[in-house]
Amino acid sequence: MLTVTNLQLILISTLQGLTEFLPVSSSGHLILFSKFTSFPDQGPEIDVAVHVGSIIAVTIYFWRDIWNIIKGLWQSRFLPNFNISGAKLAWLILIATIPAVIVGLSLKAYGLENLRSAKLIGWTISCYAVLLYLADKYGKTTRTTDSLTIKDALIIGCAQCLALIPGTSRSGITITASRFLGLQRREAAKFSMLLSIPTIAGAGLLMAYSLWQTGDISNISNACHGVMYSFIASLGAIYLMMTWLKKWTFTPFVIYRLLLGGYLLFNAYGIIN
């Protein structure tokens, strides 16, 4: 892990916290941060550390759903049982997580560093913005997470695999898939956030093990501070997102993505300096 200053940690963590659950691509913003500032690239380890702070925020905000999941799993004796709501939601989240695990481990063998380019982010952040707009405009708003099926979970899970490419946005692509399937906006956002827990937790555990092996106390300290700062920003972002979706659509996020993507592409192709 590269050495980072406390100021850089605060800025990175706040950026991560504000963008993780908004459909604008947190990973893309983290990569662009180092490319458009004087700070060096913080590296994937810090990226994962600040993501851990985000899932802690999700767990606290959706504590009732998490408690319902725990109760459901206990009642079903941790066996697949789709007649108990909490157990059903737990298994749907697990099913939706499997595709990303398989694809992620496969891609890791080839390395993902070549995907950390502003040009690629410009294309992905723009193209998937259009897809989100279409899903949000033409998708029905009649379903809740209680109506999700195994097939729905697999579709959302396969969509999540696309988020391994920076700029796609994990929350954005899973919300897009959910809206195409007819989920209400707040329900789509909630399932996307709950789905982030096992995905990011797994990456966090691998990162923690790697840090423990290095024995570098400064790296461990940086990671812990990143988790704390990101947690604070994430909790605020989740609250604002869920409040916004009570009355309005995802259109503002689409517009932001198109503006940012357009700037990145114009800059990458030398149209602007």
C-alpha atoms as a PDB file:
ATOM      1  CA  MET A   1       0.000   0.000   0.000  1.00  0.00           C
ATOM      2  CA  LEU A   2       1.243   3.459  -0.819  1.00  0.00           C
ATOM      3  CA  THR A   3       1.797   6.008   1.930  1.00  0.00           C
ATOM      4  CA  VAL A   4      -1.018   8.539   2.042  1.00  0.00           C
ATOM      5  CA  THR A   5      -1.454  11.690   4.114  1.00  0.00           C
ATOM      6  CA  ASN A   6      -4.298  12.183   6.560  1.00  0.00           C
ATOM      7  CA  LEU A   7      -5.759  14.900   4.302  1.00  0.00           C
ATOM      8  CA  GLN A   8      -5.770  12.510   1.367  1.00  0.00           C
ATOM      9  CA  LEU A   9      -7.431   9.845   3.509  1.00  0.00           C
ATOM     10  CA  ILE A  10     -10.172  12.250   4.585  1.00  0.00           C
ATOM     11  CA  LEU A  11     -10.829  13.390   1.015  1.00  0.00           C
ATOM     12  CA  ILE A  12     -10.791   9.850  -0.415  1.00  0.00           C
ATOM     13  CA  SER A  13     -12.998   8.462   2.350  1.00  0.00           C
ATOM     14  CA  THR A  14     -15.523  11.282   2.046  1.00  0.00           C
ATOM     15  CA  LEU A  15     -15.614  10.870  -1.736  1.00  0.00           C
ATOM     16  CA  GLN A  16     -16.144   7.124  -1.354  1.00  0.00           C
ATOM     17  CA  GLY A  17     -18.840   7.552   1.267  1.00  0.00           C
ATOM     18  CA  LEU A  18     -20.777  10.048  -0.831  1.00  0.00           C
ATOM     19  CA  THR A  19     -20.579   8.060  -4.068  1.00  0.00           C
ATOM     20  CA  GLU A  20     -20.773   4.382  -3.031  1.00  0.00           C
ATOM     21  CA  PHE A  21     -24.553   4.190  -2.841  1.00  0.00           C
ATOM     22  CA  LEU A  22     -25.364   6.895  -5.355  1.00  0.00           C
ATOM     23  CA  PRO A  23     -25.464   5.427  -8.886  1.00  0.00           C
ATOM     24  CA  VAL A  24     -22.420   7.415 -10.032  1.00  0.00           C
ATOM     25  CA  SER A  25     -19.525   4.928  -9.562  1.00  0.00           C
ATOM     26  CA  SER A  26     -17.458   5.259  -6.404  1.00  0.00           C
ATOM     27  CA  SER A  27     -14.551   3.250  -7.846  1.00  0.00           C
ATOM     28  CA  GLY A  28     -14.444   5.531 -10.881  1.00  0.00           C
ATOM     29  CA  HIS A  29     -14.341   8.614  -8.663  1.00  0.00           C
ATOM     30  CA  LEU A  30     -11.579   7.131  -6.501  1.00  0.00           C
ATOM     31  CA  ILE A  31      -9.425   6.479  -9.568  1.00  0.00           C
ATOM     32  CA  LEU A  32     -10.118   9.914 -11.034  1.00  0.00           C
ATOM     33  CA  PHE A  33      -9.223  11.545  -7.716  1.00  0.00           C
ATOM     34  CA  SER A  34      -5.542  10.712  -8.131  1.00  0.00           C
ATOM     35  CA  LYS A  35      -5.554  11.476 -11.852  1.00  0.00           C
ATOM     36  CA  PHE A  36      -6.926  15.007 -11.459  1.00  0.00           C
ATOM     37  CA  THR A  37      -5.201  16.024  -8.216  1.00  0.00           C
ATOM     38  CA  SER A  38      -1.607  16.228  -7.054  1.00  0.00           C
ATOM     39  CA  PHE A  39      -2.098  13.215  -4.790  1.00  0.00           C
ATOM     40  CA  PRO A  40      -0.627   9.841  -5.844  1.00  0.00           C
ATOM     41  CA  ASP A  41      -2.946   6.925  -6.569  1.00  0.00           C
ATOM     42  CA  GLN A  42      -3.960   5.602  -3.171  1.00  0.00           C
ATOM     43  CA  GLY A  43      -3.988   2.020  -4.459  1.00  0.00           C
ATOM     44  CA  PRO A  44      -6.662  -0.685  -4.337  1.00  0.00           C
ATOM     45  CA  GLU A  45      -6.077  -1.496  -0.653  1.00  0.00           C
ATOM     46  CA  ILE A  46      -7.223   1.947   0.514  1.00  0.00           C
ATOM     47  CA  ASP A  47     -10.068   1.741  -1.995  1.00  0.00           C
ATOM     48  CA  VAL A  48     -11.276  -1.443  -0.301  1.00  0.00           C
ATOM     49  CA  ALA A  49     -10.764  -0.022   3.210  1.00  0.00           C
ATOM     50  CA  VAL A  50     -13.066   2.917   2.579  1.00  0.00           C
ATOM     51  CA  HIS A  51     -15.627   0.545   1.066  1.00  0.00           C
ATOM     52  CA  VAL A  52     -15.688  -1.337   4.383  1.00  0.00           C
ATOM     53  CA  GLY A  53     -16.783   1.855   6.127  1.00  0.00           C
ATOM     54  CA  SER A  54     -19.646   2.032   3.680  1.00  0.00           C
ATOM     55  CA  ILE A  55     -21.014  -1.431   4.447  1.00  0.00           C
ATOM     56  CA  ILE A  56     -20.900  -0.695   8.178  1.00  0.00           C
ATOM     57  CA  ALA A  57     -23.121   2.304   7.420  1.00  0.00           C
ATOM     58  CA  VAL A  58     -25.497   0.095   5.395  1.00  0.00           C
ATOM     59  CA  THR A  59     -25.737  -2.412   8.240  1.00  0.00           C
ATOM     60  CA  ILE A  60     -26.672   0.321  10.704  1.00  0.00           C
ATOM     61  CA  TYR A  61     -29.161   2.117   8.434  1.00  0.00           C
ATOM     62  CA  PHE A  62     -30.936  -1.103   7.446  1.00  0.00           C
ATOM     63  CA  TRP A  63     -30.620  -2.742  10.859  1.00  0.00           C
ATOM     64  CA  ARG A  64     -34.263  -3.821  10.851  1.00  0.00           C
ATOM     65  CA  ASP A  65     -33.803  -5.671   7.551  1.00  0.00           C
ATOM     66  CA  ILE A  66     -30.549  -7.197   8.811  1.00  0.00           C
ATOM     67  CA  TRP A  67     -32.284  -8.322  12.018  1.00  0.00           C
ATOM     68  CA  ASN A  68     -35.126  -9.784   9.957  1.00  0.00           C
ATOM     69  CA  ILE A  69     -32.564 -11.708   7.901  1.00  0.00           C
ATOM     70  CA  ILE A  70     -30.875 -13.063  11.029  1.00  0.00           C
ATOM     71  CA  LYS A  71     -34.224 -14.134  12.521  1.00  0.00           C
ATOM     72  CA  GLY A  72     -35.289 -15.733   9.254  1.00  0.00           C
ATOM     73  CA  LEU A  73     -32.083 -17.722   8.938  1.00  0.00           C
ATOM     74  CA  TRP A  74     -32.390 -18.878  12.541  1.00  0.00           C
ATOM     75  CA  GLN A  75     -36.022 -19.930  12.057  1.00  0.00           C
ATOM     76  CA  SER A  76     -35.114 -21.838   8.904  1.00  0.00           C
ATOM     77  CA  ARG A  77     -32.076 -23.382  10.615  1.00  0.00           C
ATOM     78  CA  PHE A  78     -29.917 -21.748   7.937  1.00  0.00           C
ATOM     79  CA  LEU A  79     -31.463 -23.936   5.255  1.00  0.00           C
ATOM     80  CA  PRO A  80     -33.047 -22.559   2.048  1.00  0.00           C
ATOM     81  CA  ASN A  81     -36.610 -21.583   2.920  1.00  0.00           C
ATOM     82  CA  PHE A  82     -38.379 -19.071   0.714  1.00  0.00           C
ATOM     83  CA  ASN A  83     -41.521 -19.089   2.854  1.00  0.00           C
ATOM     84  CA  ILE A  84     -39.807 -17.053   5.576  1.00  0.00           C
ATOM     85  CA  SER A  85     -39.216 -13.469   4.366  1.00  0.00           C
ATOM     86  CA  GLY A  86     -35.901 -12.910   6.149  1.00  0.00           C
ATOM     87  CA  ALA A  87     -34.471 -16.239   5.044  1.00  0.00           C
ATOM     88  CA  LYS A  88     -35.677 -15.656   1.490  1.00  0.00           C
ATOM     89  CA  LEU A  89     -33.970 -12.260   1.320  1.00  0.00           C
ATOM     90  CA  ALA A  90     -30.747 -13.729   2.688  1.00  0.00           C
ATOM     91  CA  TRP A  91     -30.650 -16.471   0.085  1.00  0.00           C
ATOM     92  CA  LEU A  92     -31.530 -14.077  -2.740  1.00  0.00           C
ATOM     93  CA  ILE A  93     -28.613 -11.859  -1.709  1.00  0.00           C
ATOM     94  CA  LEU A  94     -26.324 -14.905  -1.634  1.00  0.00           C
ATOM     95  CA  ILE A  95     -27.501 -16.050  -5.059  1.00  0.00           C
ATOM     96  CA  ALA A  96     -27.019 -12.556  -6.507  1.00  0.00           C
ATOM     97  CA  THR A  97     -23.492 -12.433  -5.056  1.00  0.00           C
ATOM     98  CA  ILE A  98     -22.231 -15.679  -6.617  1.00  0.00           C
ATOM     99  CA  PRO A  99     -21.764 -14.395 -10.219  1.00  0.00           C
ATOM    100  CA  ALA A 100     -19.613 -11.456  -9.057  1.00  0.00           C
ATOM    101  CA  VAL A 101     -17.447 -13.756  -6.936  1.00  0.00           C
ATOM    102  CA  ILE A 102     -16.820 -16.114  -9.853  1.00  0.00           C
ATOM    103  CA  VAL A 103     -16.105 -13.354 -12.378  1.00  0.00           C
ATOM    104  CA  GLY A 104     -14.087 -11.308  -9.880  1.00  0.00           C
ATOM    105  CA  LEU A 105     -11.759 -14.185  -9.012  1.00  0.00           C
ATOM    106  CA  SER A 106     -11.338 -14.979 -12.703  1.00  0.00           C
ATOM    107  CA  LEU A 107     -10.435 -11.391 -13.592  1.00  0.00           C
ATOM    108  CA  LYS A 108      -8.049 -11.080 -10.635  1.00  0.00           C
ATOM    109  CA  ALA A 109      -5.801 -13.680 -12.229  1.00  0.00           C
ATOM    110  CA  TYR A 110      -5.343 -11.367 -15.224  1.00  0.00           C
ATOM    111  CA  GLY A 111      -5.011  -8.138 -13.216  1.00  0.00           C
ATOM    112  CA  LEU A 112      -7.372  -5.173 -13.159  1.00  0.00           C
ATOM    113  CA  GLU A 113      -4.862  -2.316 -13.189  1.00  0.00           C
ATOM    114  CA  ASN A 114      -5.269  -1.820 -16.948  1.00  0.00           C
ATOM    115  CA  LEU A 115      -8.902  -0.870 -16.329  1.00  0.00           C
ATOM    116  CA  ARG A 116      -8.018   2.171 -14.190  1.00  0.00           C
ATOM    117  CA  SER A 117      -8.027   4.672 -17.097  1.00  0.00           C
ATOM    118  CA  ALA A 118      -9.950   7.946 -17.398  1.00  0.00           C
ATOM    119  CA  LYS A 119     -10.939   7.160 -20.992  1.00  0.00           C
ATOM    120  CA  LEU A 120     -12.566   3.852 -20.067  1.00  0.00           C
ATOM    121  CA  ILE A 121     -14.341   5.462 -17.116  1.00  0.00           C
ATOM    122  CA  GLY A 122     -15.617   8.178 -19.427  1.00  0.00           C
ATOM    123  CA  TRP A 123     -17.261   5.603 -21.679  1.00  0.00           C
ATOM    124  CA  THR A 124     -18.687   3.400 -18.935  1.00  0.00           C
ATOM    125  CA  ILE A 125     -19.996   6.233 -16.780  1.00  0.00           C
ATOM    126  CA  SER A 126     -21.768   7.718 -19.834  1.00  0.00           C
ATOM    127  CA  CYS A 127     -23.179   4.572 -21.442  1.00  0.00           C
ATOM    128  CA  TYR A 128     -24.550   3.128 -18.233  1.00  0.00           C
ATOM    129  CA  ALA A 129     -26.094   6.506 -17.400  1.00  0.00           C
ATOM    130  CA  VAL A 130     -28.262   6.166 -20.501  1.00  0.00           C
ATOM    131  CA  LEU A 131     -29.191   2.619 -19.506  1.00  0.00           C
ATOM    132  CA  LEU A 132     -30.165   3.788 -16.008  1.00  0.00           C
ATOM    133  CA  TYR A 133     -32.354   6.522 -17.507  1.00  0.00           C
ATOM    134  CA  LEU A 134     -34.173   4.051 -19.750  1.00  0.00           C
ATOM    135  CA  ALA A 135     -34.718   1.598 -16.902  1.00  0.00           C
ATOM    136  CA  ASP A 136     -35.978   4.307 -14.575  1.00  0.00           C
ATOM    137  CA  LYS A 137     -38.253   5.907 -17.161  1.00  0.00           C
ATOM    138  CA  TYR A 138     -39.811   2.774 -18.646  1.00  0.00           C
ATOM    139  CA  GLY A 139     -39.502   0.266 -15.801  1.00  0.00           C
ATOM    140  CA  LYS A 140     -42.620  -0.395 -13.769  1.00  0.00           C
ATOM    141  CA  THR A 141     -42.766   0.562 -10.088  1.00  0.00           C
ATOM    142  CA  THR A 142     -45.000  -2.214  -8.845  1.00  0.00           C
ATOM    143  CA  ARG A 143     -42.694  -4.704  -7.137  1.00  0.00           C
ATOM    144  CA  THR A 144     -40.915  -4.931  -3.779  1.00  0.00           C
ATOM    145  CA  THR A 145     -38.025  -7.112  -2.630  1.00  0.00           C
ATOM    146  CA  ASP A 146     -40.582  -9.581  -1.245  1.00  0.00           C
ATOM    147  CA  SER A 147     -41.595 -10.434  -4.819  1.00  0.00           C
ATOM    148  CA  LEU A 148     -38.076 -11.164  -6.060  1.00  0.00           C
ATOM    149  CA  THR A 149     -37.412 -14.652  -7.421  1.00  0.00           C
ATOM    150  CA  ILE A 150     -34.248 -16.709  -7.866  1.00  0.00           C
ATOM    151  CA  LYS A 151     -34.250 -15.732 -11.546  1.00  0.00           C
ATOM    152  CA  ASP A 152     -34.455 -12.038 -10.608  1.00  0.00           C
ATOM    153  CA  ALA A 153     -31.554 -12.430  -8.171  1.00  0.00           C
ATOM    154  CA  LEU A 154     -29.416 -14.087 -10.830  1.00  0.00           C
ATOM    155  CA  ILE A 155     -30.170 -11.318 -13.323  1.00  0.00           C
ATOM    156  CA  ILE A 156     -29.218  -8.632 -10.794  1.00  0.00           C
ATOM    157  CA  GLY A 157     -26.150 -10.652  -9.800  1.00  0.00           C
ATOM    158  CA  CYS A 158     -24.968 -10.984 -13.391  1.00  0.00           C
ATOM    159  CA  ALA A 159     -25.493  -7.250 -13.863  1.00  0.00           C
ATOM    160  CA  GLN A 160     -23.335  -6.627 -10.796  1.00  0.00           C
ATOM    161  CA  CYS A 161     -20.420  -8.360 -12.571  1.00  0.00           C
ATOM    162  CA  LEU A 162     -20.261  -5.414 -14.976  1.00  0.00           C
ATOM    163  CA  ALA A 163     -19.336  -3.185 -12.023  1.00  0.00           C
ATOM    164  CA  LEU A 164     -15.900  -4.825 -11.929  1.00  0.00           C
ATOM    165  CA  ILE A 165     -15.150  -2.379 -14.741  1.00  0.00           C
ATOM    166  CA  PRO A 166     -14.536   1.063 -13.156  1.00  0.00           C
ATOM    167  CA  GLY A 167     -17.101   3.698 -14.033  1.00  0.00           C
ATOM    168  CA  THR A 168     -19.986   1.257 -14.326  1.00  0.00           C
ATOM    169  CA  SER A 169     -21.129   1.756 -10.699  1.00  0.00           C
ATOM    170  CA  ARG A 170     -22.096  -1.312  -8.678  1.00  0.00           C
ATOM    171  CA  SER A 171     -25.114   0.443  -7.205  1.00  0.00           C
ATOM    172  CA  GLY A 172     -25.987   1.981 -10.562  1.00  0.00           C
ATOM    173  CA  ILE A 173     -25.992  -1.256 -12.549  1.00  0.00           C
ATOM    174  CA  THR A 174     -27.845  -3.271  -9.887  1.00  0.00           C
ATOM    175  CA  ILE A 175     -30.441  -0.517  -9.531  1.00  0.00           C
ATOM    176  CA  THR A 176     -30.754  -0.432 -13.319  1.00  0.00           C
ATOM    177  CA  ALA A 177     -31.379  -4.183 -13.462  1.00  0.00           C
ATOM    178  CA  SER A 178     -33.848  -3.946 -10.571  1.00  0.00           C
ATOM    179  CA  ARG A 179     -35.774  -1.125 -12.255  1.00  0.00           C
ATOM    180  CA  PHE A 180     -35.968  -3.102 -15.502  1.00  0.00           C
ATOM    181  CA  LEU A 181     -37.463  -5.913 -13.395  1.00  0.00           C
ATOM    182  CA  GLY A 182     -40.107  -3.516 -12.072  1.00  0.00           C
ATOM    183  CA  LEU A 183     -38.876  -2.826  -8.542  1.00  0.00           C
ATOM    184  CA  GLN A 184     -39.921   0.416  -6.904  1.00  0.00           C
ATOM    185  CA  ARG A 185     -37.113   2.974  -6.715  1.00  0.00           C
ATOM    186  CA  ARG A 186     -36.552   2.772  -2.959  1.00  0.00           C
ATOM    187  CA  GLU A 187     -36.810  -1.024  -3.047  1.00  0.00           C
ATOM    188  CA  ALA A 188     -34.272  -1.192  -5.879  1.00  0.00           C
ATOM    189  CA  ALA A 189     -31.888   1.039  -3.931  1.00  0.00           C
ATOM    190  CA  LYS A 190     -32.372  -0.990  -0.735  1.00  0.00           C
ATOM    191  CA  PHE A 191     -31.668  -4.332  -2.405  1.00  0.00           C
ATOM    192  CA  SER A 192     -28.601  -2.842  -4.092  1.00  0.00           C
ATOM    193  CA  MET A 193     -27.270  -1.614  -0.747  1.00  0.00           C
ATOM    194  CA  LEU A 194     -27.936  -4.905   1.039  1.00  0.00           C
ATOM    195  CA  LEU A 195     -26.265  -6.711  -1.848  1.00  0.00           C
ATOM    196  CA  SER A 196     -23.132  -4.643  -1.270  1.00  0.00           C
ATOM    197  CA  ILE A 197     -22.554  -6.176   2.169  1.00  0.00           C
ATOM    198  CA  PRO A 198     -21.254  -9.658   1.210  1.00  0.00           C
ATOM    199  CA  THR A 199     -19.450  -8.383  -1.890  1.00  0.00           C
ATOM    200  CA  ILE A 200     -17.500  -5.639  -0.123  1.00  0.00           C
ATOM    201  CA  ALA A 201     -17.093  -7.635   3.099  1.00  0.00           C
ATOM    202  CA  GLY A 202     -15.326 -10.394   1.172  1.00  0.00           C
ATOM    203  CA  ALA A 203     -12.936  -7.915  -0.431  1.00  0.00           C
ATOM    204  CA  GLY A 204     -12.400  -6.284   2.966  1.00  0.00           C
ATOM    205  CA  LEU A 205     -11.443  -9.576   4.592  1.00  0.00           C
ATOM    206  CA  LEU A 206      -8.908 -10.291   1.854  1.00  0.00           C
ATOM    207  CA  MET A 207      -7.472  -6.785   2.279  1.00  0.00           C
ATOM    208  CA  ALA A 208      -7.286  -7.168   6.070  1.00  0.00           C
ATOM    209  CA  TYR A 209      -5.448 -10.475   5.719  1.00  0.00           C
ATOM    210  CA  SER A 210      -2.988  -8.889   3.290  1.00  0.00           C
ATOM    211  CA  LEU A 211      -2.332  -6.002   5.714  1.00  0.00           C
ATOM    212  CA  TRP A 212      -1.868  -8.412   8.606  1.00  0.00           C
ATOM    213  CA  GLN A 213       0.738 -10.335   6.622  1.00  0.00           C
ATOM    214  CA  THR A 214       2.754  -7.195   5.877  1.00  0.00           C
ATOM    215  CA  GLY A 215       2.835  -6.234   9.566  1.00  0.00           C
ATOM    216  CA  ASP A 216       3.021  -2.567   8.536  1.00  0.00           C
ATOM    217  CA  ILE A 217       1.316  -0.691  11.385  1.00  0.00           C
ATOM    218  CA  SER A 218       1.058   2.526   9.347  1.00  0.00           C
ATOM    219  CA  ASN A 219      -0.885   0.712   6.648  1.00  0.00           C
ATOM    220  CA  ILE A 220      -3.257  -0.765   9.216  1.00  0.00           C
ATOM    221  CA  SER A 221      -3.716   2.670  10.778  1.00  0.00           C
ATOM    222  CA  ASN A 222      -4.475   4.236   7.391  1.00  0.00           C
ATOM    223  CA  ALA A 223      -7.054   1.546   6.660  1.00  0.00           C
ATOM    224  CA  CYS A 224      -8.797   2.034  10.028  1.00  0.00           C
ATOM    225  CA  HIS A 225      -8.976   5.800   9.578  1.00  0.00           C
ATOM    226  CA  GLY A 226     -10.335   5.299   6.065  1.00  0.00           C
ATOM    227  CA  VAL A 227     -13.076   3.039   7.405  1.00  0.00           C
ATOM    228  CA  MET A 228     -14.099   5.626  10.016  1.00  0.00           C
ATOM    229  CA  TYR A 229     -14.201   8.617   7.661  1.00  0.00           C
ATOM    230  CA  SER A 230     -16.044   6.641   4.987  1.00  0.00           C
ATOM    231  CA  PHE A 231     -18.614   5.375   7.494  1.00  0.00           C
ATOM    232  CA  ILE A 232     -19.624   8.926   8.461  1.00  0.00           C
ATOM    233  CA  ALA A 233     -19.967  10.096   4.856  1.00  0.00           C
ATOM    234  CA  SER A 234     -21.763   6.888   3.771  1.00  0.00           C
ATOM    235  CA  LEU A 235     -24.396   7.101   6.477  1.00  0.00           C
ATOM    236  CA  GLY A 236     -25.263  10.639   5.390  1.00  0.00           C
ATOM    237  CA  ALA A 237     -25.375   9.643   1.722  1.00  0.00           C
ATOM    238  CA  ILE A 238     -27.689   6.684   2.374  1.00  0.00           C
ATOM    239  CA  TYR A 239     -30.105   8.864   4.327  1.00  0.00           C
ATOM    240  CA  LEU A 240     -30.175  11.514   1.590  1.00  0.00           C
ATOM    241  CA  MET A 241     -30.596   8.897  -1.143  1.00  0.00           C
ATOM    242  CA  MET A 242     -33.514   7.116   0.508  1.00  0.00           C
ATOM    243  CA  THR A 243     -35.184  10.418   1.370  1.00  0.00           C
ATOM    244  CA  TRP A 244     -34.797  11.693  -2.202  1.00  0.00           C
ATOM    245  CA  LEU A 245     -36.343   8.545  -3.688  1.00  0.00           C
ATOM    246  CA  LYS A 246     -39.548   8.983  -1.692  1.00  0.00           C
ATOM    247  CA  LYS A 247     -40.676  11.560  -4.263  1.00  0.00           C
ATOM    248  CA  TRP A 248     -38.190  11.812  -7.121  1.00  0.00           C
ATOM    249  CA  THR A 249     -36.366   9.774  -9.762  1.00  0.00           C
ATOM    250  CA  PHE A 250     -32.751   8.909 -10.630  1.00  0.00           C
ATOM    251  CA  THR A 251     -32.600  11.569 -13.382  1.00  0.00           C
ATOM    252  CA  PRO A 252     -30.250  13.982 -11.516  1.00  0.00           C
ATOM    253  CA  PHE A 253     -27.693  11.193 -11.191  1.00  0.00           C
ATOM    254  CA  VAL A 254     -28.032  10.410 -14.890  1.00  0.00           C
ATOM    255  CA  ILE A 255     -27.376  14.063 -15.783  1.00  0.00           C
ATOM    256  CA  TYR A 256     -24.347  14.198 -13.488  1.00  0.00           C
ATOM    257  CA  ARG A 257     -22.915  11.020 -15.035  1.00  0.00           C
ATOM    258  CA  LEU A 258     -23.386  12.322 -18.573  1.00  0.00           C
ATOM    259  CA  LEU A 259     -21.691  15.631 -17.740  1.00  0.00           C
ATOM    260  CA  LEU A 260     -18.753  13.912 -16.028  1.00  0.00           C
ATOM    261  CA  GLY A 261     -18.468  11.266 -18.726  1.00  0.00           C
ATOM    262  CA  GLY A 262     -18.579  13.870 -21.472  1.00  0.00           C
ATOM    263  CA  TYR A 263     -15.823  15.878 -19.815  1.00  0.00           C
ATOM    264  CA  LEU A 264     -13.619  12.793 -19.398  1.00  0.00           C
ATOM    265  CA  LEU A 265     -14.070  11.744 -23.039  1.00  0.00           C
ATOM    266  CA  PHE A 266     -13.437  15.252 -24.406  1.00  0.00           C
ATOM    267  CA  ASN A 267     -10.341  15.449 -22.245  1.00  0.00           C
ATOM    268  CA  ALA A 268      -9.145  11.929 -23.155  1.00  0.00           C
ATOM    269  CA  TYR A 269      -9.464  12.530 -26.892  1.00  0.00           C
ATOM    270  CA  GLY A 270      -7.767  15.920 -26.726  1.00  0.00           C
ATOM    271  CA  ILE A 271     -10.853  17.958 -27.621  1.00  0.00           C
ATOM    272  CA  ILE A 272     -10.308  20.032 -24.491  1.00  0.00           C
ATOM    273  CA  ASN A 273      -7.163  20.562 -22.459  1.00  0.00           C
END
